[in-house]
Protein backbone atom coordinates (compact mmCIF):
# COMPACT_ATOMS: atom_id res chain seq x y z
CA MET A 1 40.20 -145.08 -6.88
CA ARG A 2 38.03 -146.99 -4.43
CA PHE A 3 40.67 -148.56 -2.21
CA VAL A 4 43.83 -149.50 -4.10
CA ASP A 5 46.23 -148.13 -6.71
CA VAL A 6 45.23 -149.67 -10.05
CA ASP A 7 48.86 -149.69 -11.21
CA GLU A 8 49.68 -152.02 -8.32
CA LEU A 9 46.91 -154.38 -9.46
CA LEU A 10 48.11 -154.27 -13.06
CA SER A 11 51.64 -155.27 -12.05
CA CYS A 12 50.34 -158.86 -11.83
CA VAL A 13 50.69 -160.61 -15.22
CA HIS A 14 48.67 -163.63 -14.00
CA CYS A 15 51.42 -166.13 -14.79
CA GLY A 16 50.34 -168.42 -11.94
CA LEU A 17 53.82 -169.04 -10.53
CA CYS A 18 52.52 -167.90 -7.15
CA GLN A 19 49.96 -170.66 -6.86
CA SER A 20 52.21 -173.47 -5.68
CA ALA A 21 53.57 -171.13 -2.98
CA CYS A 22 50.12 -170.19 -1.65
CA PRO A 23 49.07 -172.38 1.32
CA THR A 24 45.33 -171.91 0.79
CA TYR A 25 45.54 -172.70 -2.92
CA VAL A 26 47.58 -175.83 -2.15
CA GLU A 27 44.90 -176.90 0.35
CA LEU A 28 41.78 -175.96 -1.65
CA GLY A 29 42.88 -175.93 -5.29
CA THR A 30 40.42 -173.14 -6.16
CA GLU A 31 41.48 -170.21 -8.34
CA ALA A 32 39.72 -167.64 -6.14
CA ASP A 33 41.80 -168.84 -3.18
CA SER A 34 45.10 -168.18 -4.95
CA PRO A 35 46.97 -164.83 -5.06
CA ARG A 36 46.19 -164.49 -8.76
CA GLY A 37 42.51 -165.19 -8.16
CA ARG A 38 42.29 -162.75 -5.29
CA ILE A 39 43.92 -160.05 -7.40
CA HIS A 40 41.23 -160.66 -10.03
CA LEU A 41 38.59 -160.16 -7.32
CA MET A 42 40.26 -157.00 -6.01
CA ARG A 43 40.55 -155.54 -9.50
CA ALA A 44 36.88 -156.25 -10.24
CA MET A 45 35.87 -154.53 -6.98
CA GLU A 46 38.16 -151.58 -7.65
CA GLU A 47 36.65 -151.11 -11.11
CA GLY A 48 33.10 -151.42 -9.77
CA ARG A 49 32.33 -154.63 -11.66
CA LEU A 50 31.97 -156.66 -8.47
CA GLU A 51 30.57 -155.90 -5.05
CA PRO A 52 32.10 -157.36 -1.88
CA SER A 53 29.50 -160.08 -1.42
CA PRO A 54 29.88 -162.62 1.41
CA GLU A 55 31.41 -165.09 -1.07
CA VAL A 56 34.00 -162.55 -2.27
CA VAL A 57 34.83 -161.53 1.28
CA ARG A 58 35.22 -165.19 2.20
CA HIS A 59 37.94 -165.72 -0.42
CA LEU A 60 39.82 -162.66 0.85
CA ASP A 61 39.40 -163.69 4.49
CA LEU A 62 41.01 -167.04 3.76
CA CYS A 63 44.19 -165.26 2.66
CA LEU A 64 46.81 -165.64 5.37
CA GLY A 65 48.74 -162.56 4.30
CA CYS A 66 51.85 -164.74 4.49
CA ARG A 67 53.41 -163.11 1.39
CA ALA A 68 54.90 -166.37 0.13
CA CYS A 69 53.54 -165.32 -3.26
CA GLU A 70 55.80 -162.25 -3.19
CA THR A 71 58.87 -164.47 -2.89
CA ALA A 72 57.65 -166.62 -5.78
CA CYS A 73 56.55 -163.73 -8.05
CA PRO A 74 58.93 -162.90 -10.95
CA SER A 75 57.17 -159.56 -11.54
CA GLY A 76 57.69 -158.21 -8.03
CA VAL A 77 54.00 -157.83 -7.24
CA ARG A 78 53.61 -156.45 -3.71
CA TYR A 79 50.64 -158.60 -2.89
CA GLY A 80 50.78 -157.87 0.83
CA ARG A 81 50.05 -154.21 0.19
CA LEU A 82 47.17 -155.11 -2.11
CA VAL A 83 45.40 -157.37 0.35
CA GLU A 84 45.99 -154.93 3.22
CA ALA A 85 44.34 -152.21 1.11
CA ALA A 86 41.38 -154.48 0.32
CA ARG A 87 40.67 -155.51 3.90
CA PRO A 88 39.45 -152.11 5.21
CA PHE A 89 37.25 -151.80 2.11
CA VAL A 90 35.52 -155.14 2.61
CA GLU A 91 35.32 -154.57 6.37
CA ARG A 92 32.68 -151.90 5.80
CA HIS A 93 30.48 -154.46 4.03
CA ARG A 94 30.42 -157.07 6.79
CA PRO A 95 27.31 -157.60 8.92
CA LEU A 96 27.41 -155.43 12.04
CA PRO A 97 27.94 -158.33 14.51
CA ALA A 98 30.97 -159.56 12.54
CA ARG A 99 32.46 -156.06 12.39
CA ALA A 100 31.90 -155.60 16.12
CA ALA A 101 33.58 -158.92 16.90
CA ARG A 102 36.64 -158.05 14.82
CA ARG A 103 36.90 -154.60 16.41
CA ALA A 104 36.72 -156.24 19.83
CA LEU A 105 39.49 -158.66 18.83
CA ALA A 106 41.69 -155.77 17.68
CA ALA A 107 41.09 -153.98 20.98
CA ALA A 108 41.77 -157.13 23.01
CA PHE A 109 45.33 -157.31 21.70
CA THR A 110 46.20 -153.63 21.38
CA VAL A 111 44.79 -152.08 24.59
CA PRO A 112 47.27 -153.12 27.30
CA TRP A 113 44.89 -153.41 30.27
CA ILE A 114 42.35 -155.43 28.22
CA ARG A 115 45.07 -157.74 26.87
CA ARG A 116 46.60 -158.37 30.29
CA THR A 117 43.21 -158.95 31.92
CA LEU A 118 42.09 -161.42 29.28
CA LEU A 119 45.38 -163.30 29.26
CA ALA A 120 45.88 -163.38 33.04
CA PRO A 121 44.01 -166.72 33.51
CA ALA A 122 46.13 -168.31 30.77
CA ARG A 123 49.30 -167.15 32.51
CA LEU A 124 48.24 -168.96 35.68
CA ILE A 125 48.25 -172.35 33.94
CA ALA A 126 51.18 -171.71 31.61
CA GLY A 127 53.50 -174.64 31.08
CA ARG A 128 51.02 -177.38 32.03
CA ARG A 129 50.49 -180.16 29.55
CA TRP A 130 46.90 -179.36 28.63
CA THR A 131 45.84 -181.10 25.46
CA ARG A 132 42.21 -180.11 24.87
CA GLY A 133 41.06 -177.25 22.65
CA TRP A 134 42.15 -173.76 23.62
CA LEU A 135 43.61 -175.04 26.91
CA ALA A 136 46.48 -176.36 24.80
CA PHE A 137 47.36 -172.75 23.92
CA ALA A 138 47.54 -171.89 27.63
CA GLY A 139 49.72 -174.95 28.19
CA ALA A 140 51.93 -173.78 25.33
CA LEU A 141 52.79 -170.54 27.12
CA PRO A 142 56.22 -170.33 28.71
CA ARG A 143 56.42 -169.88 32.46
CA ARG A 144 57.71 -166.41 33.24
CA ARG A 145 61.05 -166.51 35.06
CA ARG A 146 61.95 -162.81 35.07
CA ALA A 147 60.24 -159.53 35.84
CA ARG A 148 58.06 -158.42 32.95
CA HIS A 149 59.62 -154.99 32.50
CA LEU A 150 63.17 -154.37 31.30
CA PRO A 151 65.21 -151.38 32.49
CA ALA A 152 64.93 -148.29 30.30
CA VAL A 153 68.65 -148.45 29.39
CA LEU A 154 70.98 -151.46 29.27
CA GLU A 155 74.64 -150.77 28.70
CA PRO A 156 76.73 -153.21 26.61
CA GLU A 157 79.11 -155.70 28.17
CA VAL A 158 81.89 -154.78 25.70
CA ALA A 159 82.84 -151.71 23.64
CA VAL A 160 79.79 -149.91 22.27
CA ARG A 161 79.05 -150.75 18.62
CA GLY A 162 75.74 -148.91 18.35
CA THR A 163 72.41 -148.25 20.02
CA ALA A 164 69.23 -150.25 19.48
CA MET A 165 65.65 -149.44 20.46
CA LEU A 166 63.99 -152.72 21.45
CA VAL A 167 60.34 -153.07 20.43
CA THR A 168 58.80 -155.19 23.17
CA GLY A 169 55.54 -155.81 21.29
CA CYS A 170 52.07 -156.55 22.64
CA VAL A 171 51.71 -160.36 22.64
CA ALA A 172 55.48 -160.72 23.14
CA GLU A 173 55.49 -158.25 26.04
CA THR A 174 52.61 -160.01 27.77
CA LEU A 175 53.36 -163.67 27.05
CA PHE A 176 57.04 -163.89 26.04
CA SER A 177 58.72 -161.31 28.25
CA ASP A 178 61.60 -163.69 28.98
CA THR A 179 62.42 -163.71 25.25
CA ASN A 180 62.55 -159.91 25.35
CA HIS A 181 64.99 -160.12 28.28
CA ALA A 182 67.12 -162.63 26.34
CA THR A 183 67.06 -160.40 23.26
CA ALA A 184 68.33 -157.42 25.25
CA ALA A 185 71.01 -159.54 26.93
CA LEU A 186 72.30 -160.94 23.63
CA LEU A 187 72.43 -157.48 22.09
CA ARG A 188 74.43 -156.24 25.08
CA HIS A 189 76.71 -159.28 24.67
CA ALA A 190 77.32 -158.16 21.07
CA GLY A 191 78.23 -154.62 22.13
CA VAL A 192 74.88 -152.88 21.67
CA ARG A 193 73.44 -150.26 23.99
CA VAL A 194 69.76 -151.18 24.37
CA LEU A 195 66.97 -148.66 24.97
CA VAL A 196 63.56 -149.89 26.12
CA PRO A 197 61.04 -147.02 26.36
CA ARG A 198 58.08 -147.83 28.60
CA HIS A 199 54.48 -147.81 27.36
CA GLN A 200 55.44 -148.43 23.73
CA GLY A 201 52.12 -149.94 22.72
CA CYS A 202 51.24 -152.08 19.70
CA CYS A 203 53.06 -151.56 16.38
CA GLY A 204 49.75 -151.84 14.49
CA ALA A 205 50.32 -155.19 12.76
CA LEU A 206 47.44 -157.10 14.39
CA PRO A 207 44.72 -154.49 13.69
CA LEU A 208 46.06 -154.09 10.14
CA HIS A 209 45.55 -157.83 9.54
CA LEU A 210 41.98 -157.41 10.78
CA GLY A 211 41.24 -154.58 8.34
CA ALA A 212 41.36 -151.84 10.99
CA ARG A 213 43.78 -149.65 9.05
CA ASP A 214 42.88 -146.41 10.84
CA ARG A 215 43.57 -148.00 14.21
CA ALA A 216 46.80 -149.51 12.89
CA ALA A 217 47.95 -146.14 11.53
CA ALA A 218 47.19 -144.38 14.83
CA LEU A 219 49.13 -146.98 16.82
CA ALA A 220 52.01 -146.86 14.33
CA ALA A 221 52.20 -143.06 14.48
CA ARG A 222 52.37 -143.16 18.27
CA LEU A 223 55.07 -145.83 18.28
CA ALA A 224 57.03 -144.05 15.54
CA ARG A 225 57.18 -140.90 17.69
CA THR A 226 58.46 -142.97 20.62
CA LEU A 227 61.08 -144.78 18.56
CA ALA A 228 62.33 -141.87 16.47
CA ASP A 229 62.87 -139.73 19.57
CA THR A 230 65.46 -142.17 20.93
CA GLY A 231 67.94 -141.44 18.12
CA ALA A 232 68.91 -145.13 18.07
CA ASP A 233 70.87 -146.66 15.18
CA TRP A 234 68.49 -149.60 14.93
CA VAL A 235 64.88 -150.41 15.77
CA VAL A 236 64.93 -154.07 16.80
CA SER A 237 62.08 -156.57 17.08
CA ASN A 238 62.08 -160.30 17.84
CA ALA A 239 58.54 -160.86 16.48
CA ALA A 240 58.45 -161.44 12.72
CA GLY A 241 55.05 -159.80 12.14
CA CYS A 242 56.04 -156.65 14.02
CA GLY A 243 59.37 -156.41 12.23
CA ALA A 244 57.81 -156.72 8.79
CA LEU A 245 55.43 -153.83 9.48
CA LEU A 246 58.13 -151.65 11.05
CA ARG A 247 60.06 -151.90 7.78
CA GLU A 248 56.98 -150.59 5.97
CA TYR A 249 56.03 -147.74 8.28
CA ASP A 250 56.85 -145.30 5.49
CA HIS A 251 54.13 -146.96 3.38
CA LEU A 252 51.56 -147.12 6.18
CA LEU A 253 52.29 -143.48 7.15
CA PRO A 254 53.37 -141.76 3.91
CA GLY A 255 55.06 -138.42 4.41
CA ASP A 256 55.68 -139.03 8.11
CA ARG A 257 59.36 -138.28 8.76
CA MET A 258 59.50 -140.28 12.00
CA ALA A 259 57.85 -143.30 10.37
CA ALA A 260 60.45 -143.17 7.58
CA THR A 261 63.22 -143.09 10.22
CA VAL A 262 61.81 -146.21 11.87
CA ALA A 263 61.48 -148.02 8.53
CA ARG A 264 65.13 -147.31 7.66
CA GLY A 265 66.40 -148.55 11.02
CA ALA A 266 64.18 -151.62 11.43
CA ARG A 267 66.04 -154.90 11.95
CA ASP A 268 65.07 -158.31 13.24
CA ALA A 269 67.11 -159.14 16.33
CA LEU A 270 68.55 -162.26 14.70
CA GLU A 271 69.54 -160.31 11.60
CA LEU A 272 71.42 -157.73 13.67
CA LEU A 273 73.12 -160.33 15.87
CA ALA A 274 74.30 -162.21 12.78
CA GLU A 275 75.64 -158.96 11.33
CA LEU A 276 77.51 -157.95 14.50
CA GLY A 277 78.58 -161.41 15.65
CA LEU A 278 78.73 -162.81 19.17
CA PRO A 279 81.67 -163.78 21.40
CA PRO A 280 82.34 -167.54 21.75
CA ALA A 281 79.52 -169.59 23.27
CA ARG A 282 79.82 -170.56 26.92
CA VAL A 283 77.68 -173.72 26.86
CA VAL A 284 77.25 -176.55 24.35
CA LEU A 285 73.81 -177.62 23.11
CA ASP A 286 73.97 -181.24 22.02
CA ARG A 287 70.66 -181.26 20.14
CA THR A 288 69.28 -181.64 16.62
CA VAL A 289 67.59 -178.41 15.54
CA ALA A 290 65.38 -177.57 12.55
CA VAL A 291 64.24 -174.07 11.62
CA HIS A 292 60.67 -173.07 10.85
CA ASP A 293 60.79 -169.81 8.89
CA PRO A 294 57.94 -167.51 10.01
CA CYS A 295 56.21 -165.98 6.99
CA HIS A 296 56.90 -162.37 7.90
CA LEU A 297 60.53 -163.10 8.65
CA ALA A 298 61.28 -165.09 5.49
CA HIS A 299 58.94 -163.42 2.99
CA GLY A 300 58.35 -160.06 4.66
CA GLN A 301 61.93 -159.33 5.75
CA GLY A 302 64.10 -161.72 3.75
CA VAL A 303 65.76 -163.10 6.88
CA ARG A 304 66.53 -166.82 6.62
CA ALA A 305 70.23 -167.65 6.45
CA GLN A 306 71.07 -165.47 9.45
CA VAL A 307 68.96 -167.66 11.75
CA ARG A 308 70.77 -170.81 10.64
CA THR A 309 74.20 -169.16 10.84
CA LEU A 310 73.63 -168.14 14.45
CA LEU A 311 72.27 -171.53 15.51
CA ALA A 312 75.11 -173.34 13.75
CA SER A 313 77.56 -171.30 15.84
CA ILE A 314 76.38 -173.07 19.01
CA PRO A 315 78.76 -175.96 19.78
CA ARG A 316 77.35 -179.46 19.03
CA VAL A 317 74.12 -178.20 17.49
CA ARG A 318 73.18 -180.36 14.51
CA LEU A 319 71.06 -178.42 12.02
CA VAL A 320 68.64 -180.35 9.83
CA GLU A 321 66.27 -178.93 7.24
CA LEU A 322 62.53 -178.81 7.80
CA SER A 323 60.59 -179.60 4.64
CA ASP A 324 58.58 -176.57 3.45
CA SER A 325 60.15 -174.59 6.27
CA ASP A 326 58.72 -171.30 4.99
CA THR A 327 55.13 -172.55 4.57
CA CYS A 328 52.70 -170.94 7.02
CA CYS A 329 51.84 -172.85 10.20
CA GLY A 330 48.36 -171.32 10.29
CA SER A 331 48.91 -168.75 13.03
CA ALA A 332 49.24 -165.64 10.81
CA GLY A 333 48.47 -162.93 13.36
CA THR A 334 44.85 -163.54 14.39
CA TYR A 335 44.11 -166.01 11.57
CA ASN A 336 43.93 -169.02 13.88
CA LEU A 337 41.20 -167.17 15.80
CA THR A 338 39.19 -165.94 12.81
CA GLU A 339 39.73 -168.95 10.50
CA PRO A 340 40.30 -171.91 12.85
CA ALA A 341 39.37 -174.66 10.37
CA MET A 342 41.95 -173.67 7.75
CA ALA A 343 44.48 -172.88 10.47
CA ARG A 344 44.14 -176.46 11.77
CA ARG A 345 44.68 -177.89 8.29
CA LEU A 346 47.86 -175.88 7.86
CA LEU A 347 49.04 -176.82 11.36
CA ASP A 348 48.52 -180.52 10.56
CA ARG A 349 50.67 -180.12 7.45
CA LYS A 350 53.37 -178.29 9.41
CA LEU A 351 53.49 -180.80 12.26
CA ALA A 352 53.79 -183.67 9.77
CA THR A 353 57.02 -182.08 8.50
CA VAL A 354 58.16 -181.48 12.09
CA THR A 355 57.72 -185.19 12.87
CA ALA A 356 59.50 -186.20 9.66
CA SER A 357 62.50 -183.98 10.51
CA ARG A 358 63.21 -185.99 13.70
CA ALA A 359 64.57 -182.82 15.25
CA ASP A 360 64.76 -182.43 19.02
CA ILE A 361 64.02 -178.72 18.75
CA ILE A 362 62.17 -176.57 16.21
CA ALA A 363 63.34 -172.95 16.18
CA ALA A 364 60.60 -170.43 15.27
CA ALA A 365 61.20 -166.68 15.57
CA ASN A 366 57.64 -165.44 16.08
CA PRO A 367 55.30 -165.58 19.10
CA GLY A 368 52.26 -166.64 17.06
CA CYS A 369 54.12 -169.51 15.43
CA LEU A 370 55.44 -170.65 18.80
CA LEU A 371 51.98 -170.78 20.35
CA GLN A 372 50.35 -172.41 17.33
CA MET A 373 52.96 -175.12 16.93
CA ARG A 374 53.43 -175.79 20.64
CA ALA A 375 49.69 -176.16 21.18
CA GLY A 376 49.45 -178.52 18.21
CA ALA A 377 52.38 -180.58 19.49
CA LEU A 378 50.74 -180.87 22.93
CA GLN A 379 47.45 -182.01 21.40
CA ARG A 380 49.26 -184.67 19.37
CA GLY A 381 51.53 -185.88 22.16
CA LEU A 382 54.74 -184.84 20.38
CA THR A 383 57.83 -184.45 22.56
CA VAL A 384 59.64 -181.99 20.28
CA GLU A 385 60.62 -178.64 21.85
CA ILE A 386 59.54 -175.53 19.97
CA GLU A 387 61.60 -172.50 20.93
CA HIS A 388 62.45 -169.01 19.77
CA PRO A 389 66.01 -168.98 18.33
CA ILE A 390 66.78 -166.11 20.72
CA ASP A 391 66.08 -168.38 23.69
CA LEU A 392 68.30 -171.12 22.25
CA LEU A 393 71.12 -168.62 21.75
CA ALA A 394 70.64 -167.39 25.30
CA ARG A 395 71.15 -170.94 26.62
CA ALA A 396 74.54 -171.10 24.94
CA TYR A 397 75.86 -167.54 25.14
CA LEU A 398 74.60 -166.08 28.42
C-alpha cells in the first residue's frame, strides 16, 4: 500500500450519482474534477500506474473536501478519508517553494503566537465596511465585546444535566471569541456544566486539509489528552470543521484510547442544545432567517434539522429555505487562500441564492463560512446579516 487502503477505493462502484453534488464538477464539468474521477486518479497512483504529476495534483487540489459526495453516495464511500490519505502523498511531490508555503500556512493557523500576531492588524479594523480585496475579510470580522478567555469552569444556571468540554478552536478562539462566550452561556442556560481548559491548541483540521497529516496527528493527540482528562460527558465545538474531525479522532489516531473517548463524546453545540432544550426565550427576533448548512456540519456530522428547530423556537423568527443550502460557499478550511479563483466562483453562486432568499439574516455555523460570506456580501454591497446561529440564539435567550 502506498498511501490508502485499496478496499476503500474499491468501495466506489463509479455510478456517478455523486457528480451533481460535487461543487467543482458542477462548475467545471470535467470528470477528473468529480469525486468519481478523483477516485480513479487515486487508485491509479496507489497501483503505481500514475505518478502525481502537476496536472494530477491540480485535480486533487481543487477538491474542497466538502464531503457532499458522501451524502449523495448510495454505496457509503468514505470519500473524505480517501482524499485526506492522498493529500500527504501528493504533498511530497510538490516543488519545494509550494511545500514551504503550505507548511507556513499550516503554522500560521496552528501556532498561537504566530496566528495572533498575523491577525492582530485585522482585529484593529474589524467591523468596518471595507470592500476591496482581502480588506473585506478584515471588515467581516466581528468586533470583540468580551474578554477573549473564558473561565476554566462555568456552573449551570439550573440543575446539572451533564458536563461539556468546550473546544475553543484556533480561528474561533482568535476571531470569534464572543461566539465561544455565547456557546458557554447557552450551555449553562440548558443545565450544562462547562469546562474550558486553557492552552487547548488546534484540533488538527486545518493542517489535515493542507496535507500535513503528521502535524495534524500530533495536534490531535495533544488535544485528545487535554479533553479526555476532563472526564466530561460531551466534547462540544461550535466550528463545523473542528467538530467533524473530533468525531473521527479514532480514525486519525487508531488505537489511541483518549482519541476514541473524544470521538464518542463529540457533539456540535447546536446538536446538543437541540437535544437538551432551552428554557423559553426572553426576547423576540422579528426577522426572516435562512440557514446555510456548512459542509462539515451537514455532510460531516449530519446536523441540519437541529439548527432549524432551535432557530424556529425564537419568537417571531420566520424561517425560509436557502436554495442549495448545503452547497459549499468556497471557504473550506484554507481553500479560499490556496484556490482563490474557484472559491470566488462558489461564493458568487452562494451569494446569488442568498439574494434570492430575501432573508434578513443568513445563519451559518462555521467561522470560515461566516468570513467568506460576510466578505463577499460587503464587496457586493449586500445588506444581509450573516451570523452564527449561536449568536442569534444568544440574542433571544440570554
